[in-house]
């Protein structure tokens, strides 16, 4: 083999290596994105099917609403009467729970201060840790959560803006009471009206114990006056 043959073979090997390197560089982005593209190609038909089913479900609900409004879905009106009765019962439960909540908040507030006075405490945490205070605080949290659930399930809530405001406002009662300021303050520095009691109107002239309503305030994210 001559020197020329060796040079030609070396040149051919060099060109082949260069072409192979360029091929690898070109194919690398395709290989890197291949799994995601494969995943998209696999899930795309299912996603489109789910979107179509959800769209059909929404249209069916609208169609059923129109048919009920025209009396076509229930010519005897039994379903409409049942829905009215259900909504009326739910409204009574909401009203009762709202009254219980307001009464319990007042009891909780007054009990904290009565216990602090009875113990001649200087640390408000002593009153907050008392079993009566603990029990009432937990009752406030439980009642507010139950009322929130009833409001969320109320079938006519979108027709009652005051109930929407109430449902959004009382969501903050649980976290607010769980971090009650009386746990960590002295009797001298403790607020006379706690944030939850202030939100529902205790200590003010705007209290309306039989009305379900809510306004946003800075202290506790919900004014339930």
N, C-alpha and C. Protein backbone atom coordinates (compact mmCIF):
# COMPACT_ATOMS: atom_id res chain seq x y z
N UNK A 1 0.87 -1.19 0.00
CA UNK A 1 0.00 0.00 0.00
C UNK A 1 0.90 1.24 0.00
N UNK A 2 0.61 2.10 -0.93
CA UNK A 2 1.45 3.28 -1.07
C UNK A 2 1.04 4.35 -0.06
N UNK A 3 1.88 5.36 -0.01
CA UNK A 3 1.60 6.49 0.89
C UNK A 3 0.33 7.20 0.47
N UNK A 4 0.10 7.25 -0.84
CA UNK A 4 -1.10 7.92 -1.34
C UNK A 4 -2.37 7.19 -0.89
N UNK A 5 -2.29 5.85 -0.93
CA UNK A 5 -3.45 5.06 -0.49
C UNK A 5 -3.75 5.31 0.99
N UNK A 6 -2.71 5.36 1.77
CA UNK A 6 -2.89 5.62 3.21
C UNK A 6 -3.53 6.98 3.44
N UNK A 7 -3.07 7.98 2.71
CA UNK A 7 -3.63 9.32 2.86
C UNK A 7 -5.10 9.36 2.46
N UNK A 8 -5.43 8.64 1.36
CA UNK A 8 -6.83 8.61 0.90
C UNK A 8 -7.73 7.91 1.93
N UNK A 9 -7.23 6.81 2.48
CA UNK A 9 -8.02 6.09 3.50
C UNK A 9 -8.23 6.97 4.72
N UNK A 10 -7.17 7.66 5.17
CA UNK A 10 -7.28 8.54 6.33
C UNK A 10 -8.24 9.68 6.08
N UNK A 11 -8.18 10.24 4.83
CA UNK A 11 -9.09 11.33 4.48
C UNK A 11 -10.54 10.86 4.48
N UNK A 12 -10.76 9.64 3.93
CA UNK A 12 -12.11 9.08 3.89
C UNK A 12 -12.64 8.84 5.30
N UNK A 13 -11.77 8.32 6.20
CA UNK A 13 -12.18 8.10 7.58
C UNK A 13 -12.52 9.41 8.28
N UNK A 14 -11.74 10.46 7.99
CA UNK A 14 -11.99 11.75 8.58
C UNK A 14 -13.32 12.33 8.14
N UNK A 15 -13.59 12.21 6.82
CA UNK A 15 -14.87 12.71 6.29
C UNK A 15 -16.03 11.93 6.88
N UNK A 16 -15.87 10.60 7.00
CA UNK A 16 -16.95 9.77 7.57
C UNK A 16 -17.22 10.15 9.02
N UNK A 17 -16.15 10.39 9.80
CA UNK A 17 -16.32 10.77 11.19
C UNK A 17 -17.02 12.12 11.31
N UNK A 18 -16.69 13.03 10.41
CA UNK A 18 -17.30 14.36 10.43
C UNK A 18 -18.80 14.27 10.12
N UNK A 19 -19.12 13.49 9.08
CA UNK A 19 -20.54 13.33 8.72
C UNK A 19 -21.32 12.67 9.86
N UNK A 20 -20.69 11.66 10.50
CA UNK A 20 -21.35 10.99 11.61
C UNK A 20 -21.59 11.95 12.77
N UNK A 21 -20.62 12.80 13.06
CA UNK A 21 -20.76 13.78 14.13
C UNK A 21 -21.88 14.77 13.83
N UNK A 22 -21.94 15.23 12.59
CA UNK A 22 -23.00 16.17 12.20
C UNK A 22 -24.37 15.50 12.30
N UNK A 23 -24.46 14.23 11.96
CA UNK A 23 -25.72 13.50 12.06
C UNK A 23 -26.18 13.39 13.51
N UNK A 24 -25.22 13.11 14.40
CA UNK A 24 -25.55 13.00 15.82
C UNK A 24 -26.03 14.34 16.37
N UNK A 25 -25.34 15.42 16.01
CA UNK A 25 -25.71 16.75 16.49
C UNK A 25 -27.11 17.13 15.99
N UNK A 26 -27.41 16.78 14.74
CA UNK A 26 -28.72 17.10 14.17
C UNK A 26 -29.83 16.30 14.83
N UNK A 27 -29.55 15.04 15.15
CA UNK A 27 -30.59 14.16 15.68
C UNK A 27 -30.80 14.31 17.17
N UNK A 28 -29.84 14.93 17.87
CA UNK A 28 -29.91 15.01 19.33
C UNK A 28 -31.17 15.72 19.83
N UNK A 29 -31.56 16.91 19.29
CA UNK A 29 -32.80 17.54 19.76
C UNK A 29 -34.03 16.68 19.54
N UNK A 30 -34.06 15.95 18.42
CA UNK A 30 -35.21 15.09 18.15
C UNK A 30 -35.30 13.97 19.17
N UNK A 31 -34.14 13.41 19.52
CA UNK A 31 -34.13 12.33 20.50
C UNK A 31 -34.52 12.85 21.88
N UNK A 32 -34.06 14.07 22.22
CA UNK A 32 -34.33 14.62 23.53
C UNK A 32 -35.82 14.89 23.71
N UNK A 33 -36.51 15.34 22.67
CA UNK A 33 -37.93 15.67 22.77
C UNK A 33 -38.84 14.51 22.40
N UNK A 34 -38.25 13.41 22.01
CA UNK A 34 -39.07 12.29 21.56
C UNK A 34 -40.01 11.76 22.64
N UNK A 35 -39.56 11.58 23.91
CA UNK A 35 -40.49 11.06 24.92
C UNK A 35 -41.72 11.93 25.12
N UNK A 36 -41.50 13.27 25.19
CA UNK A 36 -42.65 14.15 25.40
C UNK A 36 -43.59 14.12 24.21
N UNK A 37 -43.00 14.04 23.00
CA UNK A 37 -43.87 13.99 21.82
C UNK A 37 -44.64 12.68 21.76
N UNK A 38 -43.97 11.60 22.17
CA UNK A 38 -44.67 10.31 22.20
C UNK A 38 -45.79 10.36 23.22
N UNK A 39 -45.49 10.97 24.41
CA UNK A 39 -46.52 11.08 25.44
C UNK A 39 -47.71 11.90 24.97
N UNK A 40 -47.41 13.02 24.28
CA UNK A 40 -48.49 13.85 23.77
C UNK A 40 -49.33 13.11 22.74
N UNK A 41 -48.66 12.36 21.88
CA UNK A 41 -49.39 11.63 20.86
C UNK A 41 -50.28 10.54 21.46
N UNK A 42 -49.84 9.99 22.61
CA UNK A 42 -50.63 8.94 23.27
C UNK A 42 -51.82 9.53 24.02
N UNK A 43 -51.59 10.66 24.75
CA UNK A 43 -52.65 11.23 25.60
C UNK A 43 -53.59 12.16 24.85
N UNK A 44 -53.15 12.67 23.69
CA UNK A 44 -53.97 13.64 22.96
C UNK A 44 -55.37 13.12 22.65
N UNK A 45 -55.53 11.90 22.14
CA UNK A 45 -56.90 11.42 21.86
C UNK A 45 -57.78 11.36 23.10
N UNK A 46 -57.19 10.95 24.27
CA UNK A 46 -57.97 10.88 25.49
C UNK A 46 -58.35 12.27 25.98
N UNK A 47 -57.40 13.22 25.90
CA UNK A 47 -57.70 14.59 26.34
C UNK A 47 -58.82 15.18 25.51
N UNK A 48 -58.75 14.96 24.21
CA UNK A 48 -59.79 15.49 23.33
C UNK A 48 -61.14 14.84 23.63
N UNK A 49 -61.13 13.55 23.95
CA UNK A 49 -62.37 12.85 24.29
C UNK A 49 -62.97 13.40 25.57
N UNK A 50 -62.13 13.63 26.59
CA UNK A 50 -62.61 14.16 27.86
C UNK A 50 -63.17 15.57 27.69
N UNK A 51 -62.49 16.40 26.88
CA UNK A 51 -62.99 17.75 26.63
C UNK A 51 -64.35 17.70 25.94
N UNK A 52 -64.48 16.79 24.99
CA UNK A 52 -65.75 16.65 24.28
C UNK A 52 -66.85 16.18 25.23
N UNK A 53 -66.54 15.22 26.09
CA UNK A 53 -67.53 14.71 27.04
C UNK A 53 -67.95 15.80 28.02
N UNK A 54 -66.99 16.59 28.49
CA UNK A 54 -67.31 17.66 29.42
C UNK A 54 -68.18 18.72 28.75
N UNK A 55 -67.87 19.02 27.50
CA UNK A 55 -68.68 19.98 26.73
C UNK A 55 -70.09 19.46 26.55
N UNK A 56 -70.25 18.19 26.24
CA UNK A 56 -71.57 17.60 26.06
C UNK A 56 -72.35 17.61 27.38
N UNK A 57 -71.65 17.35 28.49
CA UNK A 57 -72.32 17.36 29.79
C UNK A 57 -72.85 18.75 30.12
N UNK A 58 -72.05 19.78 29.84
CA UNK A 58 -72.50 21.15 30.11
C UNK A 58 -73.72 21.50 29.26
N UNK A 59 -73.69 21.09 28.00
CA UNK A 59 -74.82 21.37 27.12
C UNK A 59 -76.07 20.61 27.55
N UNK A 60 -75.89 19.38 28.02
CA UNK A 60 -77.03 18.61 28.51
C UNK A 60 -77.66 19.27 29.73
N UNK A 61 -76.82 19.83 30.61
CA UNK A 61 -77.36 20.51 31.78
C UNK A 61 -78.14 21.75 31.37
N UNK A 62 -77.61 22.50 30.39
CA UNK A 62 -78.32 23.68 29.91
C UNK A 62 -79.64 23.29 29.24
N UNK A 63 -79.60 22.22 28.45
CA UNK A 63 -80.80 21.76 27.77
C UNK A 63 -81.86 21.32 28.79
N UNK A 64 -81.42 20.60 29.85
CA UNK A 64 -82.36 20.17 30.89
C UNK A 64 -82.95 21.37 31.61
N UNK A 65 -82.14 22.41 31.81
CA UNK A 65 -82.64 23.62 32.48
C UNK A 65 -83.69 24.31 31.62
N UNK A 66 -83.46 24.37 30.31
CA UNK A 66 -84.44 24.97 29.40
C UNK A 66 -85.74 24.16 29.39
N UNK A 67 -85.61 22.83 29.35
CA UNK A 67 -86.80 21.97 29.32
C UNK A 67 -87.61 22.12 30.61
N UNK A 68 -86.92 22.25 31.76
CA UNK A 68 -87.65 22.46 33.01
C UNK A 68 -88.36 23.80 33.01
N UNK A 69 -87.68 24.82 32.46
CA UNK A 69 -88.30 26.15 32.41
C UNK A 69 -89.55 26.16 31.53
N UNK A 70 -89.57 25.32 30.51
CA UNK A 70 -90.72 25.23 29.60
C UNK A 70 -91.73 24.19 30.05
N UNK A 71 -91.44 23.50 31.16
CA UNK A 71 -92.35 22.48 31.65
C UNK A 71 -92.35 21.21 30.83
N UNK A 72 -91.32 20.99 30.02
CA UNK A 72 -91.27 19.82 29.15
C UNK A 72 -90.65 18.62 29.86
N UNK A 73 -89.74 18.87 30.80
CA UNK A 73 -89.05 17.76 31.46
C UNK A 73 -89.91 17.13 32.55
N UNK A 74 -90.82 17.92 33.12
CA UNK A 74 -91.64 17.43 34.23
C UNK A 74 -93.00 18.10 34.15
N UNK A 75 -93.89 17.50 33.36
CA UNK A 75 -95.18 18.13 33.09
C UNK A 75 -96.02 18.31 34.34
N UNK A 76 -95.82 17.46 35.36
CA UNK A 76 -96.60 17.56 36.59
C UNK A 76 -95.95 18.48 37.62
N UNK A 77 -94.72 18.92 37.36
CA UNK A 77 -94.04 19.84 38.26
C UNK A 77 -93.55 19.22 39.54
N UNK A 78 -93.50 17.89 39.62
CA UNK A 78 -93.08 17.24 40.87
C UNK A 78 -91.61 17.51 41.17
N UNK A 79 -90.77 17.49 40.14
CA UNK A 79 -89.35 17.73 40.37
C UNK A 79 -89.11 19.17 40.84
N UNK A 80 -89.82 20.11 40.22
CA UNK A 80 -89.66 21.51 40.62
C UNK A 80 -90.11 21.71 42.07
N UNK A 81 -91.23 21.07 42.44
CA UNK A 81 -91.70 21.19 43.83
C UNK A 81 -90.71 20.57 44.80
N UNK A 82 -90.12 19.43 44.40
CA UNK A 82 -89.13 18.79 45.26
C UNK A 82 -87.91 19.69 45.45
N UNK A 83 -87.48 20.35 44.38
CA UNK A 83 -86.33 21.25 44.48
C UNK A 83 -86.65 22.44 45.37
N UNK A 84 -87.88 22.94 45.29
CA UNK A 84 -88.27 24.07 46.14
C UNK A 84 -88.26 23.66 47.61
N UNK A 85 -88.79 22.47 47.89
CA UNK A 85 -88.80 21.98 49.27
C UNK A 85 -87.37 21.78 49.78
N UNK A 86 -86.53 21.21 48.92
CA UNK A 86 -85.12 20.99 49.31
C UNK A 86 -84.43 22.30 49.60
N UNK A 87 -84.65 23.30 48.75
CA UNK A 87 -84.02 24.60 48.97
C UNK A 87 -84.54 25.26 50.24
N UNK A 88 -85.85 25.09 50.52
CA UNK A 88 -86.43 25.68 51.73
C UNK A 88 -85.84 25.05 52.99
N UNK A 89 -85.69 23.73 52.98
CA UNK A 89 -85.09 23.04 54.13
C UNK A 89 -83.64 23.47 54.32
N UNK A 90 -82.91 23.57 53.20
CA UNK A 90 -81.51 24.00 53.29
C UNK A 90 -81.42 25.41 53.84
N UNK A 91 -82.32 26.29 53.42
CA UNK A 91 -82.31 27.67 53.93
C UNK A 91 -82.59 27.70 55.43
N UNK A 92 -83.48 26.85 55.91
CA UNK A 92 -83.76 26.79 57.35
C UNK A 92 -82.53 26.31 58.13
N UNK A 93 -81.83 25.32 57.57
CA UNK A 93 -80.62 24.83 58.23
C UNK A 93 -79.55 25.92 58.28
N UNK A 94 -79.41 26.65 57.19
CA UNK A 94 -78.42 27.73 57.14
C UNK A 94 -78.74 28.80 58.17
N UNK A 95 -80.02 29.18 58.25
CA UNK A 95 -80.43 30.20 59.22
C UNK A 95 -80.16 29.73 60.65
N UNK A 96 -80.51 28.47 60.94
CA UNK A 96 -80.28 27.93 62.29
C UNK A 96 -78.80 27.89 62.63
N UNK A 97 -77.98 27.41 61.70
CA UNK A 97 -76.54 27.33 61.94
C UNK A 97 -75.93 28.72 62.10
N UNK A 98 -76.43 29.69 61.35
CA UNK A 98 -75.93 31.05 61.46
C UNK A 98 -76.21 31.62 62.85
N UNK A 99 -77.42 31.35 63.37
CA UNK A 99 -77.75 31.81 64.71
C UNK A 99 -76.89 31.11 65.76
N UNK A 100 -76.72 29.81 65.59
CA UNK A 100 -75.89 29.05 66.54
C UNK A 100 -74.46 29.57 66.54
N UNK A 101 -73.94 29.86 65.35
CA UNK A 101 -72.56 30.36 65.23
C UNK A 101 -72.41 31.68 65.98
N UNK A 102 -73.31 32.61 65.76
CA UNK A 102 -73.21 33.92 66.39
C UNK A 102 -73.33 33.80 67.92
N UNK A 103 -74.26 32.95 68.36
CA UNK A 103 -74.43 32.76 69.81
C UNK A 103 -73.17 32.13 70.42
N UNK A 104 -72.60 31.13 69.74
CA UNK A 104 -71.43 30.43 70.27
C UNK A 104 -70.22 31.35 70.31
N UNK A 105 -70.07 32.19 69.29
CA UNK A 105 -68.94 33.15 69.29
C UNK A 105 -69.05 34.09 70.49
N UNK A 106 -70.28 34.57 70.76
CA UNK A 106 -70.47 35.44 71.92
C UNK A 106 -70.16 34.72 73.22
N UNK A 107 -70.60 33.47 73.33
CA UNK A 107 -70.31 32.69 74.54
C UNK A 107 -68.81 32.47 74.69
N UNK A 108 -68.14 32.18 73.59
CA UNK A 108 -66.69 31.94 73.64
C UNK A 108 -65.95 33.18 74.11
N UNK A 109 -66.30 34.32 73.55
CA UNK A 109 -65.65 35.57 73.92
C UNK A 109 -65.88 35.88 75.41
N UNK A 110 -67.13 35.82 75.83
CA UNK A 110 -67.45 36.15 77.23
C UNK A 110 -66.82 35.16 78.20
N UNK A 111 -66.74 33.88 77.80
CA UNK A 111 -66.15 32.87 78.68
C UNK A 111 -64.66 33.11 78.88
N UNK A 112 -63.96 33.47 77.81
CA UNK A 112 -62.54 33.77 77.94
C UNK A 112 -62.30 34.86 79.00
N UNK A 113 -63.07 35.93 78.91
CA UNK A 113 -62.86 37.04 79.85
C UNK A 113 -63.36 36.70 81.24
N UNK A 114 -64.43 35.91 81.34
CA UNK A 114 -64.91 35.52 82.66
C UNK A 114 -63.91 34.61 83.37
N UNK A 115 -63.32 33.69 82.61
CA UNK A 115 -62.31 32.80 83.19
C UNK A 115 -61.08 33.59 83.61
N UNK A 116 -60.65 34.52 82.76
CA UNK A 116 -59.48 35.34 83.10
C UNK A 116 -59.73 36.13 84.38
N UNK A 117 -60.96 36.66 84.52
CA UNK A 117 -61.30 37.42 85.72
C UNK A 117 -61.38 36.51 86.94
N UNK A 118 -61.99 35.33 86.76
CA UNK A 118 -62.13 34.41 87.88
C UNK A 118 -60.80 33.88 88.38
N UNK A 119 -59.84 33.71 87.46
CA UNK A 119 -58.52 33.22 87.84
C UNK A 119 -57.59 34.34 88.27
N UNK A 120 -58.06 35.59 88.16
CA UNK A 120 -57.19 36.75 88.42
C UNK A 120 -55.91 36.63 87.61
N UNK A 121 -56.06 36.21 86.35
CA UNK A 121 -54.90 35.93 85.51
C UNK A 121 -54.29 37.21 84.98
N UNK A 122 -52.98 37.17 84.80
CA UNK A 122 -52.30 38.25 84.09
C UNK A 122 -51.94 37.83 82.67
N UNK A 123 -51.90 36.52 82.44
CA UNK A 123 -51.63 35.96 81.12
C UNK A 123 -52.95 35.45 80.55
N UNK A 124 -53.37 36.01 79.42
CA UNK A 124 -54.64 35.60 78.82
C UNK A 124 -54.61 34.15 78.36
N UNK A 125 -53.39 33.61 78.18
CA UNK A 125 -53.27 32.21 77.79
C UNK A 125 -53.85 31.26 78.82
N UNK A 126 -53.86 31.68 80.11
CA UNK A 126 -54.46 30.84 81.14
C UNK A 126 -55.94 30.65 80.88
N UNK A 127 -56.61 31.70 80.47
CA UNK A 127 -58.03 31.61 80.14
C UNK A 127 -58.24 30.83 78.85
N UNK A 128 -57.36 31.03 77.88
CA UNK A 128 -57.50 30.35 76.59
C UNK A 128 -57.33 28.85 76.73
N UNK A 129 -56.52 28.41 77.71
CA UNK A 129 -56.27 26.99 77.90
C UNK A 129 -57.32 26.30 78.76
N UNK A 130 -58.20 27.05 79.35
CA UNK A 130 -59.21 26.46 80.23
C UNK A 130 -60.15 25.56 79.40
N UNK A 131 -60.61 24.45 79.96
CA UNK A 131 -61.48 23.53 79.20
C UNK A 131 -62.73 24.19 78.65
N UNK A 132 -63.34 25.12 79.38
CA UNK A 132 -64.53 25.79 78.86
C UNK A 132 -64.19 26.61 77.62
N UNK A 133 -63.08 27.32 77.68
CA UNK A 133 -62.66 28.13 76.53
C UNK A 133 -62.30 27.25 75.34
N UNK A 134 -61.55 26.17 75.64
CA UNK A 134 -61.17 25.25 74.56
C UNK A 134 -62.40 24.64 73.89
N UNK A 135 -63.38 24.23 74.71
CA UNK A 135 -64.57 23.60 74.17
C UNK A 135 -65.38 24.54 73.29
N UNK A 136 -65.53 25.78 73.74
CA UNK A 136 -66.30 26.74 72.95
C UNK A 136 -65.56 27.14 71.69
N UNK A 137 -64.24 27.27 71.78
CA UNK A 137 -63.47 27.61 70.58
C UNK A 137 -63.62 26.53 69.52
N UNK A 138 -63.52 25.28 69.93
CA UNK A 138 -63.67 24.18 68.98
C UNK A 138 -65.10 24.14 68.43
N UNK A 139 -66.07 24.47 69.25
CA UNK A 139 -67.46 24.49 68.77
C UNK A 139 -67.64 25.57 67.71
N UNK A 140 -67.03 26.73 67.91
CA UNK A 140 -67.09 27.79 66.90
C UNK A 140 -66.51 27.30 65.57
N UNK A 141 -65.36 26.63 65.64
CA UNK A 141 -64.72 26.12 64.43
C UNK A 141 -65.62 25.10 63.74
N UNK A 142 -66.19 24.17 64.53
CA UNK A 142 -67.03 23.11 63.96
C UNK A 142 -68.30 23.70 63.32
N UNK A 143 -68.95 24.61 64.01
CA UNK A 143 -70.18 25.19 63.47
C UNK A 143 -69.89 25.99 62.20
N UNK A 144 -68.80 26.73 62.20
CA UNK A 144 -68.46 27.52 61.01
C UNK A 144 -68.17 26.62 59.81
N UNK A 145 -67.49 25.50 60.05
CA UNK A 145 -67.20 24.58 58.96
C UNK A 145 -68.47 23.93 58.43
N UNK A 146 -69.37 23.55 59.34
CA UNK A 146 -70.63 22.94 58.91
C UNK A 146 -71.48 23.95 58.15
N UNK A 147 -71.52 25.17 58.63
CA UNK A 147 -72.28 26.22 57.92
C UNK A 147 -71.70 26.48 56.54
N UNK A 148 -70.38 26.48 56.44
CA UNK A 148 -69.74 26.67 55.14
C UNK A 148 -70.12 25.56 54.17
N UNK A 149 -70.15 24.32 54.66
CA UNK A 149 -70.55 23.19 53.81
C UNK A 149 -72.00 23.32 53.35
N UNK A 150 -72.90 23.72 54.27
CA UNK A 150 -74.31 23.87 53.91
C UNK A 150 -74.48 24.99 52.88
N UNK A 151 -73.74 26.06 53.05
CA UNK A 151 -73.83 27.17 52.09
C UNK A 151 -73.32 26.75 50.72
N UNK A 152 -72.22 26.01 50.70
CA UNK A 152 -71.64 25.58 49.42
C UNK A 152 -72.59 24.66 48.67
N UNK A 153 -73.37 23.85 49.41
CA UNK A 153 -74.29 22.92 48.77
C UNK A 153 -75.66 23.54 48.51
N UNK A 154 -75.91 24.76 48.98
CA UNK A 154 -77.22 25.37 48.82
C UNK A 154 -77.52 25.58 47.34
N UNK A 155 -78.61 25.02 46.82
CA UNK A 155 -78.85 25.05 45.36
C UNK A 155 -79.12 26.43 44.79
N UNK A 156 -79.53 27.39 45.63
CA UNK A 156 -79.87 28.72 45.13
C UNK A 156 -78.84 29.77 45.56
N UNK A 157 -77.65 29.35 45.91
CA UNK A 157 -76.67 30.31 46.44
C UNK A 157 -76.28 31.37 45.42
N UNK A 158 -76.28 31.01 44.13
CA UNK A 158 -75.92 31.99 43.11
C UNK A 158 -76.97 33.07 42.95
N UNK A 159 -78.16 32.86 43.51
CA UNK A 159 -79.20 33.88 43.49
C UNK A 159 -79.21 34.71 44.77
N UNK A 160 -78.26 34.45 45.66
CA UNK A 160 -78.23 35.14 46.96
C UNK A 160 -76.81 35.65 47.22
N UNK A 161 -76.48 36.86 46.75
CA UNK A 161 -75.12 37.40 46.95
C UNK A 161 -74.72 37.46 48.41
N UNK A 162 -75.70 37.72 49.32
CA UNK A 162 -75.35 37.80 50.74
C UNK A 162 -74.88 36.46 51.28
N UNK A 163 -75.40 35.36 50.73
CA UNK A 163 -74.95 34.05 51.16
C UNK A 163 -73.58 33.71 50.57
N UNK A 164 -73.31 34.19 49.37
CA UNK A 164 -71.98 34.01 48.78
C UNK A 164 -70.94 34.71 49.65
N UNK A 165 -71.25 35.94 50.07
CA UNK A 165 -70.31 36.68 50.92
C UNK A 165 -70.13 35.97 52.26
N UNK A 166 -71.21 35.43 52.79
CA UNK A 166 -71.13 34.71 54.06
C UNK A 166 -70.25 33.47 53.92
N UNK A 167 -70.47 32.71 52.87
CA UNK A 167 -69.70 31.47 52.68
C UNK A 167 -68.22 31.77 52.55
N UNK A 168 -67.87 32.82 51.83
CA UNK A 168 -66.46 33.18 51.67
C UNK A 168 -65.89 33.74 52.96
N UNK A 169 -66.72 34.46 53.73
CA UNK A 169 -66.23 35.07 54.97
C UNK A 169 -65.97 34.06 56.07
N UNK A 170 -66.87 33.10 56.24
CA UNK A 170 -66.72 32.19 57.38
C UNK A 170 -65.62 31.17 57.18
N UNK A 171 -65.08 31.06 55.96
CA UNK A 171 -63.95 30.14 55.76
C UNK A 171 -62.75 30.53 56.62
N UNK A 172 -62.68 31.80 57.01
CA UNK A 172 -61.52 32.27 57.77
C UNK A 172 -61.70 32.10 59.27
N UNK A 173 -62.90 31.71 59.71
CA UNK A 173 -63.12 31.58 61.15
C UNK A 173 -62.27 30.46 61.73
N UNK A 174 -62.25 29.30 61.07
CA UNK A 174 -61.46 28.18 61.58
C UNK A 174 -59.99 28.53 61.79
N UNK A 175 -59.29 28.99 60.74
CA UNK A 175 -57.88 29.37 60.93
C UNK A 175 -57.69 30.49 61.94
N UNK A 176 -58.63 31.45 61.98
CA UNK A 176 -58.50 32.57 62.91
C UNK A 176 -58.62 32.09 64.36
N UNK A 177 -59.61 31.24 64.63
CA UNK A 177 -59.79 30.74 65.99
C UNK A 177 -58.68 29.76 66.38
N UNK A 178 -58.17 29.01 65.42
CA UNK A 178 -57.08 28.08 65.72
C UNK A 178 -55.83 28.82 66.16
N UNK A 179 -55.68 30.06 65.72
CA UNK A 179 -54.53 30.88 66.13
C UNK A 179 -55.03 32.05 66.99
N UNK A 180 -55.92 31.75 67.89
CA UNK A 180 -56.55 32.77 68.75
C UNK A 180 -55.49 33.66 69.41
N UNK A 181 -55.65 34.98 69.32
CA UNK A 181 -54.65 35.88 69.92
C UNK A 181 -54.57 35.76 71.45
N UNK A 182 -55.61 35.21 72.06
CA UNK A 182 -55.59 35.08 73.52
C UNK A 182 -54.58 34.05 74.00
N UNK A 183 -54.11 33.19 73.09
CA UNK A 183 -53.10 32.20 73.48
C UNK A 183 -51.80 32.88 73.92
N UNK A 184 -51.46 33.98 73.28
CA UNK A 184 -50.09 34.52 73.41
C UNK A 184 -50.05 35.94 73.92
N UNK A 185 -51.14 36.45 74.49
CA UNK A 185 -51.12 37.84 74.95
C UNK A 185 -51.40 37.90 76.45
N UNK A 186 -51.01 39.00 77.03
CA UNK A 186 -51.34 39.24 78.43
C UNK A 186 -52.76 39.77 78.51
N UNK A 187 -53.33 39.73 79.70
CA UNK A 187 -54.68 40.25 79.89
C UNK A 187 -54.72 41.74 79.56
N UNK A 188 -53.65 42.45 79.89
CA UNK A 188 -53.61 43.89 79.64
C UNK A 188 -53.57 44.21 78.15
N UNK A 189 -52.88 43.37 77.38
CA UNK A 189 -52.70 43.66 75.96
C UNK A 189 -53.71 42.95 75.06
N UNK A 190 -54.48 42.01 75.60
CA UNK A 190 -55.41 41.23 74.78
C UNK A 190 -56.53 42.12 74.24
N UNK A 191 -56.92 41.95 72.98
CA UNK A 191 -58.05 42.72 72.45
C UNK A 191 -59.34 42.34 73.15
N UNK A 192 -60.13 43.34 73.53
CA UNK A 192 -61.37 43.05 74.25
C UNK A 192 -62.34 42.25 73.37
N UNK A 193 -62.33 42.53 72.10
CA UNK A 193 -63.16 41.79 71.13
C UNK A 193 -62.22 41.04 70.20
N UNK A 194 -62.29 39.73 70.19
CA UNK A 194 -61.39 38.94 69.34
C UNK A 194 -61.76 39.13 67.87
N UNK A 195 -60.86 38.79 66.93
CA UNK A 195 -61.15 39.01 65.51
C UNK A 195 -62.44 38.35 65.02
N UNK A 196 -62.71 37.12 65.45
CA UNK A 196 -63.93 36.45 65.00
C UNK A 196 -65.18 37.15 65.53
N UNK A 197 -65.16 37.52 66.82
CA UNK A 197 -66.31 38.22 67.39
C UNK A 197 -66.51 39.58 66.73
N UNK A 198 -65.41 40.24 66.42
CA UNK A 198 -65.51 41.53 65.75
C UNK A 198 -66.11 41.36 64.36
N UNK A 199 -65.76 40.27 63.69
CA UNK A 199 -66.25 40.04 62.33
C UNK A 199 -67.76 39.84 62.29
N UNK A 200 -68.33 39.24 63.33
CA UNK A 200 -69.78 39.00 63.31
C UNK A 200 -70.55 40.11 64.02
N UNK A 201 -69.86 41.15 64.46
CA UNK A 201 -70.54 42.33 64.96
C UNK A 201 -70.64 42.47 66.45
N UNK A 202 -69.96 41.64 67.23
CA UNK A 202 -69.99 41.80 68.69
C UNK A 202 -69.29 43.09 69.08
N UNK A 203 -69.92 43.80 70.01
CA UNK A 203 -69.32 45.04 70.48
C UNK A 203 -69.64 46.23 69.61
N UNK A 204 -70.48 46.03 68.58
CA UNK A 204 -70.87 47.13 67.71
C UNK A 204 -72.36 47.26 67.62
N UNK A 205 -72.82 48.31 67.00
CA UNK A 205 -74.26 48.56 66.89
C UNK A 205 -74.86 47.97 65.64
N UNK A 206 -74.01 47.30 64.80
CA UNK A 206 -74.49 46.80 63.52
C UNK A 206 -74.83 45.33 63.57
N UNK A 207 -74.84 44.76 64.75
CA UNK A 207 -75.08 43.32 64.86
C UNK A 207 -76.52 42.99 64.48
N UNK A 208 -76.67 42.00 63.61
CA UNK A 208 -77.99 41.52 63.21
C UNK A 208 -77.98 40.00 63.30
N UNK A 209 -78.30 39.43 64.46
CA UNK A 209 -78.07 38.01 64.69
C UNK A 209 -78.89 37.07 63.83
N UNK A 210 -79.96 37.56 63.21
CA UNK A 210 -80.81 36.66 62.44
C UNK A 210 -80.59 36.79 60.94
N UNK A 211 -79.61 37.56 60.52
CA UNK A 211 -79.39 37.80 59.10
C UNK A 211 -78.07 37.19 58.69
N UNK A 212 -78.09 36.43 57.60
CA UNK A 212 -76.86 35.84 57.07
C UNK A 212 -76.28 36.80 56.07
N UNK A 213 -75.14 37.39 56.39
CA UNK A 213 -74.53 38.37 55.51
C UNK A 213 -73.04 38.37 55.78
N UNK A 214 -72.26 39.01 54.90
CA UNK A 214 -70.81 39.05 55.11
C UNK A 214 -70.21 40.20 54.35
N UNK A 215 -69.18 40.81 54.94
CA UNK A 215 -68.38 41.83 54.29
C UNK A 215 -66.93 41.54 54.60
N UNK A 216 -66.04 41.92 53.69
CA UNK A 216 -64.61 41.69 53.90
C UNK A 216 -64.04 42.79 54.79
N UNK A 217 -63.24 42.39 55.79
CA UNK A 217 -62.54 43.34 56.65
C UNK A 217 -61.08 42.98 56.67
N UNK A 218 -60.26 43.91 57.15
CA UNK A 218 -58.82 43.69 57.12
C UNK A 218 -58.37 42.69 58.18
N UNK A 219 -59.05 42.68 59.33
CA UNK A 219 -58.56 41.88 60.45
C UNK A 219 -58.59 40.39 60.18
N UNK A 220 -59.74 39.88 59.71
CA UNK A 220 -59.89 38.43 59.66
C UNK A 220 -60.54 37.97 58.36
N UNK A 221 -60.44 38.79 57.33
CA UNK A 221 -60.87 38.43 55.98
C UNK A 221 -62.37 38.26 55.84
N UNK A 222 -63.15 38.42 56.88
CA UNK A 222 -64.59 38.27 56.70
C UNK A 222 -65.37 38.98 57.78
N UNK A 223 -66.26 39.89 57.39
CA UNK A 223 -67.13 40.55 58.34
C UNK A 223 -68.49 39.93 58.17
N UNK A 224 -68.96 39.21 59.19
CA UNK A 224 -70.18 38.43 59.07
C UNK A 224 -71.36 39.18 59.67
N UNK A 225 -71.33 40.50 59.61
CA UNK A 225 -72.41 41.29 60.18
C UNK A 225 -73.67 41.12 59.35
